[in-house]
Amino acid sequence: MTKKLLRSAGLVLVGLVYLVPLYVLVSMTLKPSALGVSIWSPPKSLYLVNFANAWGKAHLLTALFNNAVITLASLILIVLVGSLASYPLARYPTALNRFVAGLLVSCLVVPPLAVLVPLYKTVVDLRGLNSYWAIIMILVSFQLPLCVYLYTNFIRSIPSELDEAARLDGCGHARLFVRVIFPLLKPITSSIVILCGILIWNDYQFSVFFLQKREVQTISVALSQFVSQYQNDINLVAAGCLIGIFPLTIMYLCLQRYFIKGLADGAVKG
């Protein structure tokens, strides 16, 4: 009984850690002003004008479109390149493949901002500022190590007898991967889409430097205009954040059935 109570109390505390910031976000969204108002006090009325102001002043329709293009293109490349790279790393543990796998894992500890200056210089030289392709390539590059790590461990959990049976049926490497291996990667692919999709959708550290024109700005960069040295429209930021997290919530609800299974298998097995 004591263990059950402790477990329940722990779950309640964990839930509060996530629910309290959400309450503050919703509370600030429904208030006319943040000046002189406690963030903990509930709103006295549903002040929905903040949504309209945030939508118009931050040009969120354009920002949502930019987010969708960048996130969708990045996820397609991450899934294709990551899964194709992971198959030989998982199935052929040669010295070179082990070195490549270790090198990719070591990239996970490199802070992205540590390479920002040379990266910015390279993008400027390639005339990639304010372009979709440059930010997509950057985001894909920094998400691929995690993607390859998860895919590699998941593929190792798939019996190699399936490969042998497919080869006996006349499948080459490409056909074997497309017809046999890739369909089995649905759980870990869903996990990668959610994990990488959230990071790419909410990216600020790269987008603020490489997407400077309003026409290509993402939601996080567009909302930053409400907070500066001379203004502090937290209510509009909160409203914009609620609009921005709506697509991510829909994506998670659609893929949640595969998320836990894929993440557990990809991180543990192998």
Protein backbone atom coordinates (compact mmCIF):
# COMPACT_ATOMS: atom_id res chain seq x y z
CA MET A 1 0.00 0.00 0.00
CA THR A 2 2.83 2.40 0.89
CA LYS A 3 4.55 1.71 -2.43
CA LYS A 4 1.31 2.41 -4.29
CA LEU A 5 0.85 5.73 -2.48
CA LEU A 6 4.44 6.75 -3.18
CA ARG A 7 4.07 5.79 -6.83
CA SER A 8 0.83 7.73 -7.13
CA ALA A 9 2.36 10.77 -5.41
CA GLY A 10 5.32 10.61 -7.78
CA LEU A 11 3.03 10.48 -10.80
CA VAL A 12 1.06 13.47 -9.49
CA LEU A 13 4.27 15.47 -9.03
CA VAL A 14 5.47 14.62 -12.53
CA GLY A 15 2.07 15.62 -13.91
CA LEU A 16 2.22 18.95 -12.08
CA VAL A 17 5.66 19.68 -13.51
CA TYR A 18 4.11 19.63 -16.97
CA LEU A 19 0.66 20.99 -16.17
CA VAL A 20 1.77 24.10 -14.26
CA PRO A 21 3.60 25.69 -17.23
CA LEU A 22 0.63 24.84 -19.45
CA TYR A 23 -1.73 26.52 -16.96
CA VAL A 24 0.46 29.65 -16.91
CA LEU A 25 0.54 29.69 -20.72
CA VAL A 26 -3.24 29.43 -21.07
CA SER A 27 -3.80 31.91 -18.22
CA MET A 28 -1.57 34.55 -19.81
CA THR A 29 -3.22 34.02 -23.19
CA LEU A 30 -6.68 34.84 -21.83
CA LYS A 31 -5.65 38.03 -19.99
CA PRO A 32 -5.69 41.50 -21.61
CA SER A 33 -2.30 42.48 -20.19
CA ALA A 34 0.59 40.98 -18.24
CA LEU A 35 1.49 44.22 -16.46
CA GLY A 36 0.72 44.15 -12.74
CA VAL A 37 -1.09 40.81 -13.02
CA SER A 38 0.05 37.66 -11.26
CA ILE A 39 0.79 34.76 -13.57
CA TRP A 40 -0.94 32.44 -11.09
CA SER A 41 -4.27 34.24 -10.94
CA PRO A 42 -6.93 32.76 -13.23
CA PRO A 43 -8.32 34.97 -16.02
CA LYS A 44 -11.48 36.90 -15.11
CA SER A 45 -12.88 36.56 -18.63
CA LEU A 46 -12.05 34.89 -21.94
CA TYR A 47 -10.01 37.62 -23.64
CA LEU A 48 -9.65 36.07 -27.10
CA VAL A 49 -8.35 39.21 -28.79
CA ASN A 50 -4.79 38.07 -28.10
CA PHE A 51 -5.18 35.28 -30.63
CA ALA A 52 -6.28 37.70 -33.35
CA ASN A 53 -3.51 40.17 -32.51
CA ALA A 54 -0.81 37.51 -32.45
CA TRP A 55 -2.10 36.00 -35.70
CA GLY A 56 -2.08 39.35 -37.51
CA LYS A 57 0.97 41.13 -36.08
CA ALA A 58 3.28 38.08 -36.27
CA HIS A 59 1.91 36.95 -39.66
CA LEU A 60 1.40 33.48 -38.24
CA LEU A 61 -0.24 32.11 -41.39
CA THR A 62 3.01 32.65 -43.29
CA ALA A 63 5.02 31.38 -40.32
CA LEU A 64 2.90 28.22 -40.08
CA PHE A 65 3.42 27.58 -43.79
CA ASN A 66 7.18 28.03 -43.40
CA ASN A 67 7.22 25.70 -40.40
CA ALA A 68 5.24 23.08 -42.31
CA VAL A 69 7.54 23.18 -45.37
CA ILE A 70 10.76 23.07 -43.35
CA THR A 71 9.55 20.39 -40.93
CA LEU A 72 8.01 18.13 -43.57
CA ALA A 73 11.00 18.31 -45.92
CA SER A 74 13.44 17.77 -43.05
CA LEU A 75 11.56 14.74 -41.71
CA ILE A 76 11.38 13.11 -45.15
CA LEU A 77 15.15 13.48 -45.57
CA ILE A 78 15.85 12.34 -42.01
CA VAL A 79 13.76 9.18 -42.38
CA LEU A 80 15.12 8.28 -45.83
CA VAL A 81 18.79 9.02 -45.19
CA GLY A 82 18.74 7.77 -41.60
CA SER A 83 17.09 4.44 -42.36
CA LEU A 84 19.27 3.77 -45.42
CA ALA A 85 22.45 4.60 -43.49
CA SER A 86 21.42 2.50 -40.50
CA TYR A 87 20.80 -0.74 -42.41
CA PRO A 88 24.46 -1.49 -43.30
CA LEU A 89 25.62 -0.26 -39.89
CA ALA A 90 23.29 -2.75 -38.19
CA ARG A 91 23.70 -5.72 -40.52
CA TYR A 92 27.43 -5.50 -41.36
CA PRO A 93 29.44 -4.75 -38.18
CA THR A 94 32.78 -4.22 -39.90
CA ALA A 95 35.54 -2.13 -38.33
CA LEU A 96 34.70 0.78 -40.62
CA ASN A 97 30.98 0.59 -39.84
CA ARG A 98 31.65 0.45 -36.10
CA PHE A 99 33.87 3.51 -36.43
CA VAL A 100 31.18 5.40 -38.37
CA ALA A 101 28.52 4.42 -35.82
CA GLY A 102 30.72 5.60 -32.95
CA LEU A 103 31.48 8.84 -34.78
CA LEU A 104 27.78 9.54 -35.26
CA VAL A 105 27.03 8.88 -31.60
CA SER A 106 29.86 11.22 -30.58
CA CYS A 107 28.22 13.98 -32.64
CA LEU A 108 25.32 13.94 -30.18
CA VAL A 109 27.49 15.63 -27.53
CA VAL A 110 28.57 18.52 -29.78
CA PRO A 111 26.64 21.72 -28.89
CA PRO A 112 25.08 23.10 -32.08
CA LEU A 113 26.00 26.67 -31.16
CA ALA A 114 29.67 25.65 -30.98
CA VAL A 115 29.79 25.47 -34.78
CA LEU A 116 27.49 28.42 -35.45
CA VAL A 117 30.17 30.87 -36.61
CA PRO A 118 31.79 28.67 -39.30
CA LEU A 119 28.35 27.37 -40.26
CA TYR A 120 27.05 30.91 -40.75
CA LYS A 121 30.11 31.81 -42.83
CA THR A 122 29.56 28.75 -45.02
CA VAL A 123 25.89 29.51 -45.57
CA VAL A 124 26.67 33.14 -46.47
CA ASP A 125 29.31 32.01 -48.97
CA LEU A 126 26.79 29.61 -50.53
CA ARG A 127 24.14 32.38 -50.60
CA GLY A 128 21.82 30.29 -48.49
CA LEU A 129 20.54 32.96 -46.11
CA ASN A 130 16.73 33.24 -46.04
CA SER A 131 16.34 30.05 -48.07
CA TYR A 132 14.51 26.85 -47.28
CA TRP A 133 17.23 24.52 -48.52
CA ALA A 134 19.94 25.89 -46.22
CA ILE A 135 17.95 25.66 -42.98
CA ILE A 136 16.62 22.23 -43.99
CA MET A 137 20.14 20.88 -44.60
CA ILE A 138 21.33 22.29 -41.28
CA LEU A 139 18.45 20.83 -39.27
CA VAL A 140 18.72 17.45 -40.99
CA SER A 141 22.45 17.30 -40.29
CA PHE A 142 21.99 17.89 -36.57
CA GLN A 143 19.11 15.40 -36.22
CA LEU A 144 20.65 12.55 -38.21
CA PRO A 145 22.98 11.20 -35.47
CA LEU A 146 20.06 10.51 -33.11
CA CYS A 147 18.00 9.12 -35.98
CA VAL A 148 20.75 6.73 -37.11
CA TYR A 149 21.38 5.59 -33.53
CA LEU A 150 17.73 4.68 -32.98
CA TYR A 151 17.30 3.07 -36.41
CA THR A 152 20.50 1.02 -36.04
CA ASN A 153 19.50 -0.45 -32.69
CA PHE A 154 15.98 -1.19 -33.92
CA ILE A 155 17.21 -2.97 -37.07
CA ARG A 156 19.52 -5.11 -34.93
CA SER A 157 16.43 -6.38 -33.11
CA ILE A 158 14.95 -7.64 -36.41
CA PRO A 159 15.96 -11.31 -37.00
CA SER A 160 18.58 -11.62 -39.74
CA GLU A 161 16.78 -14.77 -40.93
CA LEU A 162 14.34 -12.45 -42.69
CA ASP A 163 17.20 -11.11 -44.81
CA GLU A 164 18.36 -14.60 -45.68
CA ALA A 165 14.83 -15.68 -46.67
CA ALA A 166 14.45 -12.61 -48.87
CA ARG A 167 17.78 -13.27 -50.59
CA LEU A 168 16.70 -16.85 -51.31
CA ASP A 169 13.64 -15.37 -53.02
CA GLY A 170 15.92 -13.31 -55.25
CA CYS A 171 15.84 -9.94 -53.47
CA GLY A 172 18.83 -7.68 -53.81
CA HIS A 173 19.93 -5.24 -51.11
CA ALA A 174 17.70 -2.40 -52.29
CA ARG A 175 14.61 -4.55 -52.78
CA LEU A 176 15.22 -6.34 -49.47
CA PHE A 177 15.34 -3.05 -47.61
CA VAL A 178 12.27 -1.57 -49.31
CA ARG A 179 10.10 -4.71 -49.23
CA VAL A 180 11.16 -6.36 -45.95
CA ILE A 181 13.05 -4.06 -43.57
CA PHE A 182 11.48 -0.63 -44.05
CA PRO A 183 7.86 -1.75 -43.42
CA LEU A 184 9.02 -3.17 -40.06
CA LEU A 185 10.45 0.22 -39.05
CA LYS A 186 7.04 1.86 -38.58
CA PRO A 187 7.22 2.06 -34.73
CA ILE A 188 10.70 3.60 -34.59
CA THR A 189 9.91 5.84 -37.57
CA SER A 190 6.92 7.22 -35.67
CA SER A 191 9.14 7.90 -32.66
CA ILE A 192 11.74 9.65 -34.81
CA VAL A 193 9.07 11.74 -36.56
CA ILE A 194 7.74 12.91 -33.20
CA LEU A 195 11.12 13.54 -31.54
CA CYS A 196 12.79 15.23 -34.51
CA GLY A 197 9.57 16.93 -35.62
CA ILE A 198 9.20 18.69 -32.28
CA LEU A 199 12.84 19.83 -32.28
CA ILE A 200 12.64 21.09 -35.87
CA TRP A 201 9.23 22.77 -35.46
CA ASN A 202 10.37 24.62 -32.33
CA ASP A 203 13.88 25.44 -33.58
CA TYR A 204 15.01 28.95 -32.74
CA GLN A 205 18.80 28.83 -32.42
CA PHE A 206 19.37 28.31 -36.15
CA SER A 207 16.22 29.89 -37.58
CA VAL A 208 16.87 33.26 -35.95
CA PHE A 209 20.23 33.52 -37.76
CA PHE A 210 19.46 31.95 -41.13
CA LEU A 211 15.82 33.07 -41.63
CA GLN A 212 15.97 36.84 -41.23
CA LYS A 213 13.34 37.96 -43.77
CA ARG A 214 9.72 37.98 -42.64
CA GLU A 215 8.67 35.93 -45.68
CA VAL A 216 10.62 32.87 -44.50
CA GLN A 217 10.48 33.24 -40.70
CA THR A 218 9.17 30.39 -38.59
CA ILE A 219 6.78 30.71 -35.65
CA SER A 220 9.47 30.91 -32.97
CA VAL A 221 11.29 33.72 -34.80
CA ALA A 222 8.08 35.56 -35.68
CA LEU A 223 6.93 35.58 -32.05
CA SER A 224 10.28 36.93 -30.82
CA GLN A 225 9.31 40.38 -32.14
CA PHE A 226 6.89 40.75 -29.22
CA VAL A 227 9.75 40.66 -26.69
CA SER A 228 12.46 43.31 -26.99
CA GLN A 229 14.16 46.12 -25.08
CA TYR A 230 11.18 48.41 -25.60
CA GLN A 231 8.18 46.06 -25.43
CA ASN A 232 7.11 42.95 -23.63
CA ASP A 233 3.86 41.53 -25.03
CA ILE A 234 3.95 38.22 -23.20
CA ASN A 235 0.22 37.71 -23.73
CA LEU A 236 0.67 37.73 -27.51
CA VAL A 237 3.62 35.37 -27.24
CA ALA A 238 1.50 32.98 -25.17
CA ALA A 239 -1.33 33.13 -27.70
CA GLY A 240 1.08 32.51 -30.56
CA CYS A 241 2.63 29.56 -28.71
CA LEU A 242 -0.78 27.94 -28.27
CA ILE A 243 -1.44 28.34 -32.00
CA GLY A 244 2.00 26.92 -32.76
CA ILE A 245 1.69 23.79 -30.63
CA PHE A 246 -1.66 22.78 -32.14
CA PRO A 247 -0.15 21.01 -35.22
CA LEU A 248 2.34 19.16 -32.99
CA THR A 249 -0.50 17.97 -30.76
CA ILE A 250 -2.37 16.59 -33.77
CA MET A 251 0.78 14.81 -34.99
CA TYR A 252 1.40 13.22 -31.60
CA LEU A 253 -2.21 12.04 -31.27
CA CYS A 254 -1.94 10.35 -34.67
CA LEU A 255 1.37 8.61 -33.91
CA GLN A 256 1.21 7.98 -30.17
CA ARG A 257 0.29 4.28 -30.54
CA TYR A 258 3.74 3.63 -32.06
CA PHE A 259 5.75 6.15 -30.07
CA ILE A 260 6.56 4.30 -26.84
CA LYS A 261 7.16 0.92 -28.49
CA GLY A 262 9.43 2.35 -31.14
CA LEU A 263 11.44 4.48 -28.73
CA ALA A 264 11.95 1.60 -26.27
CA ASP A 265 13.02 -0.85 -28.98
CA GLY A 266 15.29 1.63 -30.71
CA ALA A 267 17.08 2.70 -27.53
CA VAL A 268 17.38 -0.61 -25.69
CA LYS A 269 17.59 -3.51 -28.11
CA GLY A 270 20.67 -4.40 -30.07
